Amino acid sequence: NTTISYGKEYTNNSTTGVSPDFKEIRNIEVKPGNGRFVNETDIRDR
């Protein structure tokens, strides 16, 4: 139940911290052109 907002818009979602392997374990799909998932540099540099 974390609050996520952008400008005047907001929503309540669960927020989950993960490592890069999570993408393959959960079969998370990030389609081409829609950016990327968490990587090792994100983990190391917080």
PDB file of all heavy atoms in Angstrom:
ATOM      1  N   ASN A   1       0.816  -1.216   0.000  1.00  0.00           N
ATOM      2  CA  ASN A   1       0.000   0.000   0.000  1.00  0.00           C
ATOM      3  C   ASN A   1       0.850   1.268   0.000  1.00  0.00           C
ATOM      4  O   ASN A   1       0.634   2.189   0.791  1.00  0.00           O
ATOM      5  CB  ASN A   1      -0.946  -0.002   1.211  1.00  0.00           C
ATOM      6  CG  ASN A   1      -2.118   0.952   1.014  1.00  0.00           C
ATOM      7  OD1 ASN A   1      -2.568   1.165  -0.100  1.00  0.00           O
ATOM      8  ND2 ASN A   1      -2.604   1.525   2.107  1.00  0.00           N
ATOM      9  N   THR A   2       1.818   1.326  -0.884  1.00  0.00           N
ATOM     10  CA  THR A   2       2.619   2.545  -1.035  1.00  0.00           C
ATOM     11  C   THR A   2       1.925   3.490  -2.014  1.00  0.00           C
ATOM     12  O   THR A   2       1.297   3.058  -2.981  1.00  0.00           O
ATOM     13  CB  THR A   2       4.028   2.219  -1.559  1.00  0.00           C
ATOM     14  OG1 THR A   2       3.915   1.420  -2.744  1.00  0.00           O
ATOM     15  CG2 THR A   2       4.830   1.458  -0.532  1.00  0.00           C
ATOM     16  N   THR A   3       2.048   4.780  -1.755  1.00  0.00           N
ATOM     17  CA  THR A   3       1.430   5.787  -2.616  1.00  0.00           C
ATOM     18  C   THR A   3       2.428   6.223  -3.682  1.00  0.00           C
ATOM     19  O   THR A   3       3.538   6.660  -3.372  1.00  0.00           O
ATOM     20  CB  THR A   3       0.981   7.002  -1.798  1.00  0.00           C
ATOM     21  OG1 THR A   3       0.029   6.587  -0.811  1.00  0.00           O
ATOM     22  CG2 THR A   3       0.338   8.054  -2.697  1.00  0.00           C
ATOM     23  N   ILE A   4       2.017   6.105  -4.933  1.00  0.00           N
ATOM     24  CA  ILE A   4       2.856   6.488  -6.069  1.00  0.00           C
ATOM     25  C   ILE A   4       2.140   7.632  -6.782  1.00  0.00           C
ATOM     26  O   ILE A   4       0.965   7.518  -7.132  1.00  0.00           O
ATOM     27  CB  ILE A   4       3.055   5.307  -7.029  1.00  0.00           C
ATOM     28  CG1 ILE A   4       3.626   4.113  -6.267  1.00  0.00           C
ATOM     29  CG2 ILE A   4       3.954   5.680  -8.196  1.00  0.00           C
ATOM     30  CD1 ILE A   4       3.549   2.822  -7.024  1.00  0.00           C
ATOM     31  N   SER A   5       2.843   8.734  -7.005  1.00  0.00           N
ATOM     32  CA  SER A   5       2.191   9.894  -7.596  1.00  0.00           C
ATOM     33  C   SER A   5       3.035  10.513  -8.708  1.00  0.00           C
ATOM     34  O   SER A   5       4.266  10.396  -8.723  1.00  0.00           O
ATOM     35  CB  SER A   5       1.910  10.957  -6.516  1.00  0.00           C
ATOM     36  OG  SER A   5       3.117  11.417  -5.939  1.00  0.00           O
ATOM     37  N   TYR A   6       2.319  11.144  -9.633  1.00  0.00           N
ATOM     38  CA  TYR A   6       2.960  11.926 -10.699  1.00  0.00           C
ATOM     39  C   TYR A   6       2.071  13.139 -10.927  1.00  0.00           C
ATOM     40  O   TYR A   6       0.949  13.014 -11.420  1.00  0.00           O
ATOM     41  CB  TYR A   6       3.094  11.111 -11.981  1.00  0.00           C
ATOM     42  CG  TYR A   6       3.671  11.909 -13.135  1.00  0.00           C
ATOM     43  CD1 TYR A   6       5.031  12.201 -13.196  1.00  0.00           C
ATOM     44  CD2 TYR A   6       2.846  12.384 -14.162  1.00  0.00           C
ATOM     45  CE1 TYR A   6       5.559  12.940 -14.240  1.00  0.00           C
ATOM     46  CE2 TYR A   6       3.365  13.114 -15.209  1.00  0.00           C
ATOM     47  CZ  TYR A   6       4.725  13.396 -15.241  1.00  0.00           C
ATOM     48  OH  TYR A   6       5.251  14.149 -16.272  1.00  0.00           O
ATOM     49  N   GLY A   7       2.575  14.304 -10.545  1.00  0.00           N
ATOM     50  CA  GLY A   7       1.748  15.501 -10.605  1.00  0.00           C
ATOM     51  C   GLY A   7       0.559  15.356  -9.666  1.00  0.00           C
ATOM     52  O   GLY A   7       0.720  15.068  -8.482  1.00  0.00           O
ATOM     53  N   LYS A   8      -0.649  15.522 -10.218  1.00  0.00           N
ATOM     54  CA  LYS A   8      -1.860  15.402  -9.412  1.00  0.00           C
ATOM     55  C   LYS A   8      -2.421  13.976  -9.396  1.00  0.00           C
ATOM     56  O   LYS A   8      -3.380  13.701  -8.678  1.00  0.00           O
ATOM     57  CB  LYS A   8      -2.932  16.362  -9.940  1.00  0.00           C
ATOM     58  CG  LYS A   8      -2.550  17.830  -9.794  1.00  0.00           C
ATOM     59  CD  LYS A   8      -3.669  18.726 -10.305  1.00  0.00           C
ATOM     60  CE  LYS A   8      -3.298  20.194 -10.157  1.00  0.00           C
ATOM     61  NZ  LYS A   8      -4.384  21.097 -10.659  1.00  0.00           N
ATOM     62  N   GLU A   9      -1.851  13.121 -10.210  1.00  0.00           N
ATOM     63  CA  GLU A   9      -2.344  11.744 -10.287  1.00  0.00           C
ATOM     64  C   GLU A   9      -1.610  10.863  -9.284  1.00  0.00           C
ATOM     65  O   GLU A   9      -0.401  11.028  -9.064  1.00  0.00           O
ATOM     66  CB  GLU A   9      -2.147  11.182 -11.696  1.00  0.00           C
ATOM     67  CG  GLU A   9      -2.792  12.002 -12.794  1.00  0.00           C
ATOM     68  CD  GLU A   9      -4.312  12.039 -12.687  1.00  0.00           C
ATOM     69  OE1 GLU A   9      -4.885  11.092 -12.101  1.00  0.00           O
ATOM     70  OE2 GLU A   9      -4.915  13.007 -13.179  1.00  0.00           O
ATOM     71  N   TYR A  10      -2.340   9.923  -8.675  1.00  0.00           N
ATOM     72  CA  TYR A  10      -1.690   9.006  -7.741  1.00  0.00           C
ATOM     73  C   TYR A  10      -2.442   7.679  -7.710  1.00  0.00           C
ATOM     74  O   TYR A  10      -3.597   7.571  -8.127  1.00  0.00           O
ATOM     75  CB  TYR A  10      -1.635   9.615  -6.336  1.00  0.00           C
ATOM     76  CG  TYR A  10      -2.971   9.729  -5.658  1.00  0.00           C
ATOM     77  CD1 TYR A  10      -3.434   8.725  -4.810  1.00  0.00           C
ATOM     78  CD2 TYR A  10      -3.787  10.850  -5.861  1.00  0.00           C
ATOM     79  CE1 TYR A  10      -4.669   8.821  -4.196  1.00  0.00           C
ATOM     80  CE2 TYR A  10      -5.020  10.957  -5.252  1.00  0.00           C
ATOM     81  CZ  TYR A  10      -5.459   9.945  -4.413  1.00  0.00           C
ATOM     82  OH  TYR A  10      -6.686  10.035  -3.809  1.00  0.00           O
ATOM     83  N   THR A  11      -1.782   6.655  -7.210  1.00  0.00           N
ATOM     84  CA  THR A  11      -2.379   5.338  -7.052  1.00  0.00           C
ATOM     85  C   THR A  11      -1.681   4.617  -5.914  1.00  0.00           C
ATOM     86  O   THR A  11      -0.548   4.971  -5.553  1.00  0.00           O
ATOM     87  CB  THR A  11      -2.271   4.509  -8.349  1.00  0.00           C
ATOM     88  OG1 THR A  11      -2.892   3.232  -8.159  1.00  0.00           O
ATOM     89  CG2 THR A  11      -0.820   4.275  -8.734  1.00  0.00           C
ATOM     90  N   ASN A  12      -2.343   3.640  -5.342  1.00  0.00           N
ATOM     91  CA  ASN A  12      -1.745   2.831  -4.273  1.00  0.00           C
ATOM     92  C   ASN A  12      -1.408   1.441  -4.820  1.00  0.00           C
ATOM     93  O   ASN A  12      -2.268   0.763  -5.372  1.00  0.00           O
ATOM     94  CB  ASN A  12      -2.705   2.701  -3.090  1.00  0.00           C
ATOM     95  CG  ASN A  12      -2.892   4.021  -2.356  1.00  0.00           C
ATOM     96  OD1 ASN A  12      -1.951   4.784  -2.206  1.00  0.00           O
ATOM     97  ND2 ASN A  12      -4.114   4.285  -1.915  1.00  0.00           N
ATOM     98  N   ASN A  13      -0.177   1.056  -4.672  1.00  0.00           N
ATOM     99  CA  ASN A  13       0.295  -0.237  -5.168  1.00  0.00           C
ATOM    100  C   ASN A  13       1.216  -0.880  -4.153  1.00  0.00           C
ATOM    101  O   ASN A  13       1.741  -0.214  -3.261  1.00  0.00           O
ATOM    102  CB  ASN A  13       1.077  -0.069  -6.483  1.00  0.00           C
ATOM    103  CG  ASN A  13       0.205   0.342  -7.645  1.00  0.00           C
ATOM    104  OD1 ASN A  13      -0.266   1.470  -7.714  1.00  0.00           O
ATOM    105  ND2 ASN A  13      -0.013  -0.571  -8.573  1.00  0.00           N
ATOM    106  N   SER A  14       1.430  -2.193  -4.336  1.00  0.00           N
ATOM    107  CA  SER A  14       2.498  -2.837  -3.586  1.00  0.00           C
ATOM    108  C   SER A  14       3.800  -2.581  -4.327  1.00  0.00           C
ATOM    109  O   SER A  14       3.834  -2.567  -5.562  1.00  0.00           O
ATOM    110  CB  SER A  14       2.239  -4.347  -3.472  1.00  0.00           C
ATOM    111  OG  SER A  14       2.205  -4.939  -4.747  1.00  0.00           O
ATOM    112  N   THR A  15       4.864  -2.343  -3.590  1.00  0.00           N
ATOM    113  CA  THR A  15       6.181  -2.073  -4.170  1.00  0.00           C
ATOM    114  C   THR A  15       7.126  -3.182  -3.731  1.00  0.00           C
ATOM    115  O   THR A  15       7.195  -3.503  -2.546  1.00  0.00           O
ATOM    116  CB  THR A  15       6.711  -0.702  -3.708  1.00  0.00           C
ATOM    117  OG1 THR A  15       5.766   0.309  -4.081  1.00  0.00           O
ATOM    118  CG2 THR A  15       8.054  -0.392  -4.346  1.00  0.00           C
ATOM    119  N   THR A  16       7.848  -3.753  -4.682  1.00  0.00           N
ATOM    120  CA  THR A  16       8.708  -4.889  -4.387  1.00  0.00           C
ATOM    121  C   THR A  16      10.125  -4.628  -4.865  1.00  0.00           C
ATOM    122  O   THR A  16      10.346  -4.316  -6.039  1.00  0.00           O
ATOM    123  CB  THR A  16       8.181  -6.173  -5.054  1.00  0.00           C
ATOM    124  OG1 THR A  16       6.816  -6.378  -4.678  1.00  0.00           O
ATOM    125  CG2 THR A  16       9.013  -7.375  -4.633  1.00  0.00           C
ATOM    126  N   GLY A  17      11.073  -4.750  -3.946  1.00  0.00           N
ATOM    127  CA  GLY A  17      12.482  -4.659  -4.298  1.00  0.00           C
ATOM    128  C   GLY A  17      12.991  -6.027  -4.714  1.00  0.00           C
ATOM    129  O   GLY A  17      12.750  -7.016  -4.012  1.00  0.00           O
ATOM    130  N   VAL A  18      13.665  -6.080  -5.862  1.00  0.00           N
ATOM    131  CA  VAL A  18      14.112  -7.367  -6.406  1.00  0.00           C
ATOM    132  C   VAL A  18      15.508  -7.217  -7.000  1.00  0.00           C
ATOM    133  O   VAL A  18      16.027  -6.113  -7.153  1.00  0.00           O
ATOM    134  CB  VAL A  18      13.144  -7.880  -7.501  1.00  0.00           C
ATOM    135  CG1 VAL A  18      11.760  -8.139  -6.938  1.00  0.00           C
ATOM    136  CG2 VAL A  18      13.064  -6.882  -8.659  1.00  0.00           C
ATOM    137  N   SER A  19      16.076  -8.366  -7.368  1.00  0.00           N
ATOM    138  CA  SER A  19      17.349  -8.384  -8.094  1.00  0.00           C
ATOM    139  C   SER A  19      17.064  -8.727  -9.555  1.00  0.00           C
ATOM    140  O   SER A  19      15.936  -9.098  -9.899  1.00  0.00           O
ATOM    141  CB  SER A  19      18.291  -9.409  -7.473  1.00  0.00           C
ATOM    142  OG  SER A  19      17.855 -10.717  -7.768  1.00  0.00           O
ATOM    143  N   PRO A  20      18.041  -8.620 -10.459  1.00  0.00           N
ATOM    144  CA  PRO A  20      17.785  -8.877 -11.880  1.00  0.00           C
ATOM    145  C   PRO A  20      17.220 -10.259 -12.191  1.00  0.00           C
ATOM    146  O   PRO A  20      16.462 -10.419 -13.151  1.00  0.00           O
ATOM    147  CB  PRO A  20      19.170  -8.694 -12.512  1.00  0.00           C
ATOM    148  CG  PRO A  20      19.867  -7.731 -11.613  1.00  0.00           C
ATOM    149  CD  PRO A  20      19.394  -8.080 -10.236  1.00  0.00           C
ATOM    150  N   ASP A  21      17.578 -11.285 -11.390  1.00  0.00           N
ATOM    151  CA  ASP A  21      17.086 -12.644 -11.655  1.00  0.00           C
ATOM    152  C   ASP A  21      15.569 -12.766 -11.556  1.00  0.00           C
ATOM    153  O   ASP A  21      14.967 -13.701 -12.104  1.00  0.00           O
ATOM    154  CB  ASP A  21      17.729 -13.643 -10.686  1.00  0.00           C
ATOM    155  CG  ASP A  21      19.145 -14.010 -11.086  1.00  0.00           C
ATOM    156  OD1 ASP A  21      19.571 -13.632 -12.203  1.00  0.00           O
ATOM    157  OD2 ASP A  21      19.838 -14.670 -10.284  1.00  0.00           O
ATOM    158  N   PHE A  22      14.949 -11.813 -10.868  1.00  0.00           N
ATOM    159  CA  PHE A  22      13.500 -11.854 -10.678  1.00  0.00           C
ATOM    160  C   PHE A  22      12.770 -11.878 -12.019  1.00  0.00           C
ATOM    161  O   PHE A  22      11.722 -12.505 -12.158  1.00  0.00           O
ATOM    162  CB  PHE A  22      13.058 -10.638  -9.860  1.00  0.00           C
ATOM    163  CG  PHE A  22      11.608 -10.645  -9.439  1.00  0.00           C
ATOM    164  CD1 PHE A  22      11.206 -11.289  -8.288  1.00  0.00           C
ATOM    165  CD2 PHE A  22      10.644  -9.994 -10.196  1.00  0.00           C
ATOM    166  CE1 PHE A  22       9.877 -11.289  -7.884  1.00  0.00           C
ATOM    167  CE2 PHE A  22       9.311  -9.989  -9.818  1.00  0.00           C
ATOM    168  CZ  PHE A  22       8.929 -10.633  -8.658  1.00  0.00           C
ATOM    169  N   LYS A  23      13.315 -11.202 -13.013  1.00  0.00           N
ATOM    170  CA  LYS A  23      12.683 -11.116 -14.330  1.00  0.00           C
ATOM    171  C   LYS A  23      12.498 -12.496 -14.953  1.00  0.00           C
ATOM    172  O   LYS A  23      11.435 -12.801 -15.512  1.00  0.00           O
ATOM    173  CB  LYS A  23      13.529 -10.238 -15.261  1.00  0.00           C
ATOM    174  CG  LYS A  23      12.933 -10.001 -16.644  1.00  0.00           C
ATOM    175  CD  LYS A  23      13.805  -9.019 -17.421  1.00  0.00           C
ATOM    176  CE  LYS A  23      13.164  -8.677 -18.767  1.00  0.00           C
ATOM    177  NZ  LYS A  23      13.195  -9.803 -19.698  1.00  0.00           N
ATOM    178  N   GLU A  24      13.538 -13.352 -14.854  1.00  0.00           N
ATOM    179  CA  GLU A  24      13.439 -14.691 -15.426  1.00  0.00           C
ATOM    180  C   GLU A  24      12.603 -15.623 -14.552  1.00  0.00           C
ATOM    181  O   GLU A  24      11.861 -16.474 -15.061  1.00  0.00           O
ATOM    182  CB  GLU A  24      14.835 -15.302 -15.603  1.00  0.00           C
ATOM    183  CG  GLU A  24      15.604 -14.805 -16.819  1.00  0.00           C
ATOM    184  CD  GLU A  24      16.026 -13.356 -16.696  1.00  0.00           C
ATOM    185  OE1 GLU A  24      16.350 -12.936 -15.560  1.00  0.00           O
ATOM    186  OE2 GLU A  24      16.022 -12.638 -17.715  1.00  0.00           O
ATOM    187  N   ILE A  25      12.699 -15.449 -13.241  1.00  0.00           N
ATOM    188  CA  ILE A  25      11.936 -16.320 -12.334  1.00  0.00           C
ATOM    189  C   ILE A  25      10.433 -16.100 -12.505  1.00  0.00           C
ATOM    190  O   ILE A  25       9.651 -17.044 -12.521  1.00  0.00           O
ATOM    191  CB  ILE A  25      12.360 -16.077 -10.873  1.00  0.00           C
ATOM    192  CG1 ILE A  25      13.829 -16.484 -10.679  1.00  0.00           C
ATOM    193  CG2 ILE A  25      11.463 -16.839  -9.905  1.00  0.00           C
ATOM    194  CD1 ILE A  25      14.405 -16.076  -9.347  1.00  0.00           C
ATOM    195  N   ARG A  26      10.040 -14.837 -12.640  1.00  0.00           N
ATOM    196  CA  ARG A  26       8.619 -14.515 -12.760  1.00  0.00           C
ATOM    197  C   ARG A  26       8.160 -14.334 -14.210  1.00  0.00           C
ATOM    198  O   ARG A  26       6.999 -14.016 -14.453  1.00  0.00           O
ATOM    199  CB  ARG A  26       8.323 -13.232 -11.983  1.00  0.00           C
ATOM    200  CG  ARG A  26       8.327 -13.379 -10.478  1.00  0.00           C
ATOM    201  CD  ARG A  26       7.104 -14.152  -9.987  1.00  0.00           C
ATOM    202  NE  ARG A  26       6.948 -14.039  -8.560  1.00  0.00           N
ATOM    203  CZ  ARG A  26       6.195 -13.129  -7.949  1.00  0.00           C
ATOM    204  NH1 ARG A  26       5.517 -12.248  -8.669  1.00  0.00           N
ATOM    205  NH2 ARG A  26       6.113 -13.101  -6.642  1.00  0.00           N
ATOM    206  N   ASN A  27       9.073 -14.485 -15.147  1.00  0.00           N
ATOM    207  CA  ASN A  27       8.735 -14.285 -16.565  1.00  0.00           C
ATOM    208  C   ASN A  27       8.138 -12.904 -16.812  1.00  0.00           C
ATOM    209  O   ASN A  27       7.109 -12.758 -17.486  1.00  0.00           O
ATOM    210  CB  ASN A  27       7.771 -15.370 -17.047  1.00  0.00           C
ATOM    211  CG  ASN A  27       8.422 -16.733 -17.154  1.00  0.00           C
ATOM    212  OD1 ASN A  27       9.590 -16.838 -17.524  1.00  0.00           O
ATOM    213  ND2 ASN A  27       7.693 -17.787 -16.821  1.00  0.00           N
ATOM    214  N   ILE A  28       8.771 -11.894 -16.261  1.00  0.00           N
ATOM    215  CA  ILE A  28       8.338 -10.518 -16.469  1.00  0.00           C
ATOM    216  C   ILE A  28       8.664 -10.108 -17.902  1.00  0.00           C
ATOM    217  O   ILE A  28       9.788 -10.302 -18.376  1.00  0.00           O
ATOM    218  CB  ILE A  28       9.037  -9.555 -15.489  1.00  0.00           C
ATOM    219  CG1 ILE A  28       8.743  -9.956 -14.035  1.00  0.00           C
ATOM    220  CG2 ILE A  28       8.618  -8.107 -15.758  1.00  0.00           C
ATOM    221  CD1 ILE A  28       7.304  -9.826 -13.634  1.00  0.00           C
ATOM    222  N   GLU A  29       7.685  -9.543 -18.588  1.00  0.00           N
ATOM    223  CA  GLU A  29       7.889  -9.141 -19.986  1.00  0.00           C
ATOM    224  C   GLU A  29       7.995  -7.624 -20.101  1.00  0.00           C
ATOM    225  O   GLU A  29       7.065  -6.899 -19.760  1.00  0.00           O
ATOM    226  CB  GLU A  29       6.734  -9.643 -20.862  1.00  0.00           C
ATOM    227  CG  GLU A  29       6.896  -9.272 -22.321  1.00  0.00           C
ATOM    228  CD  GLU A  29       5.708  -9.665 -23.175  1.00  0.00           C
ATOM    229  OE1 GLU A  29       4.663 -10.015 -22.585  1.00  0.00           O
ATOM    230  OE2 GLU A  29       5.818  -9.618 -24.417  1.00  0.00           O
ATOM    231  N   VAL A  30       9.132  -7.165 -20.573  1.00  0.00           N
ATOM    232  CA  VAL A  30       9.317  -5.753 -20.917  1.00  0.00           C
ATOM    233  C   VAL A  30       9.467  -5.704 -22.432  1.00  0.00           C
ATOM    234  O   VAL A  30      10.490  -6.106 -22.984  1.00  0.00           O
ATOM    235  CB  VAL A  30      10.557  -5.149 -20.224  1.00  0.00           C
ATOM    236  CG1 VAL A  30      10.713  -3.682 -20.624  1.00  0.00           C
ATOM    237  CG2 VAL A  30      10.440  -5.269 -18.709  1.00  0.00           C
ATOM    238  N   LYS A  31       8.433  -5.244 -23.097  1.00  0.00           N
ATOM    239  CA  LYS A  31       8.424  -5.261 -24.555  1.00  0.00           C
ATOM    240  C   LYS A  31       9.439  -4.277 -25.131  1.00  0.00           C
ATOM    241  O   LYS A  31       9.797  -3.289 -24.481  1.00  0.00           O
ATOM    242  CB  LYS A  31       7.026  -4.926 -25.072  1.00  0.00           C
ATOM    243  CG  LYS A  31       5.969  -5.961 -24.689  1.00  0.00           C
ATOM    244  CD  LYS A  31       4.602  -5.561 -25.187  1.00  0.00           C
ATOM    245  CE  LYS A  31       3.550  -6.607 -24.805  1.00  0.00           C
ATOM    246  NZ  LYS A  31       2.186  -6.215 -25.228  1.00  0.00           N
ATOM    247  N   PRO A  32       9.929  -4.548 -26.351  1.00  0.00           N
ATOM    248  CA  PRO A  32      10.872  -3.619 -27.002  1.00  0.00           C
ATOM    249  C   PRO A  32      10.299  -2.210 -27.069  1.00  0.00           C
ATOM    250  O   PRO A  32       9.133  -2.018 -27.424  1.00  0.00           O
ATOM    251  CB  PRO A  32      11.038  -4.224 -28.404  1.00  0.00           C
ATOM    252  CG  PRO A  32      10.738  -5.680 -28.233  1.00  0.00           C
ATOM    253  CD  PRO A  32       9.675  -5.749 -27.174  1.00  0.00           C
ATOM    254  N   GLY A  33      11.125  -1.255 -26.696  1.00  0.00           N
ATOM    255  CA  GLY A  33      10.680   0.137 -26.690  1.00  0.00           C
ATOM    256  C   GLY A  33      10.090   0.580 -25.373  1.00  0.00           C
ATOM    257  O   GLY A  33       9.773   1.769 -25.203  1.00  0.00           O
ATOM    258  N   ASN A  34       9.926  -0.369 -24.425  1.00  0.00           N
ATOM    259  CA  ASN A  34       9.345  -0.037 -23.117  1.00  0.00           C
ATOM    260  C   ASN A  34      10.383  -0.023 -22.006  1.00  0.00           C
ATOM    261  O   ASN A  34      10.067  -0.225 -20.835  1.00  0.00           O
ATOM    262  CB  ASN A  34       8.237  -1.029 -22.753  1.00  0.00           C
ATOM    263  CG  ASN A  34       6.931  -0.720 -23.471  1.00  0.00           C
ATOM    264  OD1 ASN A  34       6.815   0.301 -24.133  1.00  0.00           O
ATOM    265  ND2 ASN A  34       5.974  -1.604 -23.360  1.00  0.00           N
ATOM    266  N   GLY A  35      11.645   0.208 -22.372  1.00  0.00           N
ATOM    267  CA  GLY A  35      12.682   0.343 -21.355  1.00  0.00           C
ATOM    268  C   GLY A  35      13.299  -0.986 -20.966  1.00  0.00           C
ATOM    269  O   GLY A  35      13.438  -1.891 -21.777  1.00  0.00           O
ATOM    270  N   ARG A  36      13.623  -1.110 -19.687  1.00  0.00           N
ATOM    271  CA  ARG A  36      14.356  -2.278 -19.196  1.00  0.00           C
ATOM    272  C   ARG A  36      13.892  -2.665 -17.805  1.00  0.00           C
ATOM    273  O   ARG A  36      13.063  -1.971 -17.193  1.00  0.00           O
ATOM    274  CB  ARG A  36      15.855  -1.953 -19.148  1.00  0.00           C
ATOM    275  CG  ARG A  36      16.195  -0.797 -18.195  1.00  0.00           C
ATOM    276  CD  ARG A  36      17.685  -0.580 -18.078  1.00  0.00           C
ATOM    277  NE  ARG A  36      18.026   0.542 -17.191  1.00  0.00           N
ATOM    278  CZ  ARG A  36      18.107   0.464 -15.868  1.00  0.00           C
ATOM    279  NH1 ARG A  36      17.833  -0.694 -15.252  1.00  0.00           N
ATOM    280  NH2 ARG A  36      18.432   1.506 -15.138  1.00  0.00           N
ATOM    281  N   PHE A  37      14.478  -3.758 -17.305  1.00  0.00           N
ATOM    282  CA  PHE A  37      14.207  -4.204 -15.943  1.00  0.00           C
ATOM    283  C   PHE A  37      15.390  -3.809 -15.055  1.00  0.00           C
ATOM    284  O   PHE A  37      16.351  -3.167 -15.489  1.00  0.00           O
ATOM    285  CB  PHE A  37      13.969  -5.716 -15.917  1.00  0.00           C
ATOM    286  CG  PHE A  37      13.269  -6.205 -14.685  1.00  0.00           C
ATOM    287  CD1 PHE A  37      11.948  -5.871 -14.435  1.00  0.00           C
ATOM    288  CD2 PHE A  37      13.930  -6.994 -13.755  1.00  0.00           C
ATOM    289  CE1 PHE A  37      11.301  -6.313 -13.294  1.00  0.00           C
ATOM    290  CE2 PHE A  37      13.298  -7.445 -12.609  1.00  0.00           C
ATOM    291  CZ  PHE A  37      11.976  -7.100 -12.378  1.00  0.00           C
ATOM    292  N   VAL A  38      15.329  -4.193 -13.792  1.00  0.00           N
ATOM    293  CA  VAL A  38      16.409  -3.924 -12.839  1.00  0.00           C
ATOM    294  C   VAL A  38      17.689  -4.614 -13.302  1.00  0.00           C
ATOM    295  O   VAL A  38      17.655  -5.755 -13.768  1.00  0.00           O
ATOM    296  CB  VAL A  38      16.010  -4.427 -11.437  1.00  0.00           C
ATOM    297  CG1 VAL A  38      17.177  -4.321 -10.461  1.00  0.00           C
ATOM    298  CG2 VAL A  38      14.796  -3.650 -10.918  1.00  0.00           C
ATOM    299  N   ASN A  39      18.837  -3.926 -13.182  1.00  0.00           N
ATOM    300  CA  ASN A  39      20.126  -4.553 -13.512  1.00  0.00           C
ATOM    301  C   ASN A  39      21.079  -4.486 -12.317  1.00  0.00           C
ATOM    302  O   ASN A  39      20.757  -3.885 -11.276  1.00  0.00           O
ATOM    303  CB  ASN A  39      20.748  -3.937 -14.768  1.00  0.00           C
ATOM    304  CG  ASN A  39      21.003  -2.436 -14.620  1.00  0.00           C
ATOM    305  OD1 ASN A  39      21.335  -1.941 -13.540  1.00  0.00           O
ATOM    306  ND2 ASN A  39      20.869  -1.708 -15.719  1.00  0.00           N
ATOM    307  N   GLU A  40      22.244  -5.085 -12.470  1.00  0.00           N
ATOM    308  CA  GLU A  40      23.206  -5.163 -11.368  1.00  0.00           C
ATOM    309  C   GLU A  40      23.722  -3.784 -10.953  1.00  0.00           C
ATOM    310  O   GLU A  40      24.005  -3.543  -9.779  1.00  0.00           O
ATOM    311  CB  GLU A  40      24.384  -6.067 -11.760  1.00  0.00           C
ATOM    312  CG  GLU A  40      24.028  -7.538 -11.907  1.00  0.00           C
ATOM    313  CD  GLU A  40      23.632  -8.185 -10.589  1.00  0.00           C
ATOM    314  OE1 GLU A  40      23.856  -7.573  -9.516  1.00  0.00           O
ATOM    315  OE2 GLU A  40      23.080  -9.310 -10.627  1.00  0.00           O
ATOM    316  N   THR A  41      23.864  -2.883 -11.916  1.00  0.00           N
ATOM    317  CA  THR A  41      24.324  -1.526 -11.590  1.00  0.00           C
ATOM    318  C   THR A  41      23.322  -0.819 -10.692  1.00  0.00           C
ATOM    319  O   THR A  41      23.698  -0.082  -9.767  1.00  0.00           O
ATOM    320  CB  THR A  41      24.550  -0.715 -12.880  1.00  0.00           C
ATOM    321  OG1 THR A  41      25.451  -1.424 -13.730  1.00  0.00           O
ATOM    322  CG2 THR A  41      25.127   0.658 -12.567  1.00  0.00           C
ATOM    323  N   ASP A  42      22.032  -1.036 -10.951  1.00  0.00           N
ATOM    324  CA  ASP A  42      20.991  -0.461 -10.092  1.00  0.00           C
ATOM    325  C   ASP A  42      21.150  -0.939  -8.650  1.00  0.00           C
ATOM    326  O   ASP A  42      21.015  -0.151  -7.697  1.00  0.00           O
ATOM    327  CB  ASP A  42      19.598  -0.854 -10.596  1.00  0.00           C
ATOM    328  CG  ASP A  42      19.277  -0.297 -11.965  1.00  0.00           C
ATOM    329  OD1 ASP A  42      19.821   0.763 -12.318  1.00  0.00           O
ATOM    330  OD2 ASP A  42      18.481  -0.930 -12.688  1.00  0.00           O
ATOM    331  N   ILE A  43      21.435  -2.238  -8.495  1.00  0.00           N
ATOM    332  CA  ILE A  43      21.596  -2.816  -7.160  1.00  0.00           C
ATOM    333  C   ILE A  43      22.826  -2.223  -6.474  1.00  0.00           C
ATOM    334  O   ILE A  43      22.767  -1.789  -5.305  1.00  0.00           O
ATOM    335  CB  ILE A  43      21.729  -4.353  -7.247  1.00  0.00           C
ATOM    336  CG1 ILE A  43      20.479  -4.982  -7.892  1.00  0.00           C
ATOM    337  CG2 ILE A  43      21.989  -4.952  -5.865  1.00  0.00           C
ATOM    338  CD1 ILE A  43      19.238  -4.925  -7.086  1.00  0.00           C
ATOM    339  N   ARG A  44      23.936  -2.203  -7.200  1.00  0.00           N
ATOM    340  CA  ARG A  44      25.203  -1.759  -6.605  1.00  0.00           C
ATOM    341  C   ARG A  44      25.149  -0.280  -6.216  1.00  0.00           C
ATOM    342  O   ARG A  44      25.621   0.112  -5.132  1.00  0.00           O
ATOM    343  CB  ARG A  44      26.336  -2.006  -7.600  1.00  0.00           C
ATOM    344  CG  ARG A  44      27.719  -1.665  -7.040  1.00  0.00           C
ATOM    345  CD  ARG A  44      28.821  -1.841  -8.067  1.00  0.00           C
ATOM    346  NE  ARG A  44      28.691  -0.907  -9.173  1.00  0.00           N
ATOM    347  CZ  ARG A  44      28.404  -1.264 -10.419  1.00  0.00           C
ATOM    348  NH1 ARG A  44      28.220  -2.549 -10.719  1.00  0.00           N
ATOM    349  NH2 ARG A  44      28.306  -0.350 -11.368  1.00  0.00           N
ATOM    350  N   ASP A  45      24.583   0.564  -7.072  1.00  0.00           N
ATOM    351  CA  ASP A  45      24.587   2.014  -6.834  1.00  0.00           C
ATOM    352  C   ASP A  45      23.348   2.501  -6.105  1.00  0.00           C
ATOM    353  O   ASP A  45      23.166   3.713  -5.937  1.00  0.00           O
ATOM    354  CB  ASP A  45      24.711   2.758  -8.171  1.00  0.00           C
ATOM    355  CG  ASP A  45      26.025   2.479  -8.876  1.00  0.00           C
ATOM    356  OD1 ASP A  45      26.948   1.961  -8.211  1.00  0.00           O
ATOM    357  OD2 ASP A  45      26.125   2.772 -10.080  1.00  0.00           O
ATOM    358  N   ARG A  46      22.486   1.586  -5.680  1.00  0.00           N
ATOM    359  CA  ARG A  46      21.243   1.952  -4.996  1.00  0.00           C
ATOM    360  C   ARG A  46      20.434   2.983  -5.792  1.00  0.00           C
ATOM    361  O   ARG A  46      19.905   3.958  -5.252  1.00  0.00           O
ATOM    362  CB  ARG A  46      21.528   2.498  -3.593  1.00  0.00           C
ATOM    363  CG  ARG A  46      22.061   1.465  -2.625  1.00  0.00           C
ATOM    364  CD  ARG A  46      22.361   2.075  -1.272  1.00  0.00           C
ATOM    365  NE  ARG A  46      22.747   1.064  -0.318  1.00  0.00           N
ATOM    366  CZ  ARG A  46      21.931   0.547   0.604  1.00  0.00           C
ATOM    367  NH1 ARG A  46      20.677   0.955   0.671  1.00  0.00           N
ATOM    368  NH2 ARG A  46      22.360  -0.381   1.440  1.00  0.00           N
TER     369      ARG A  46
END
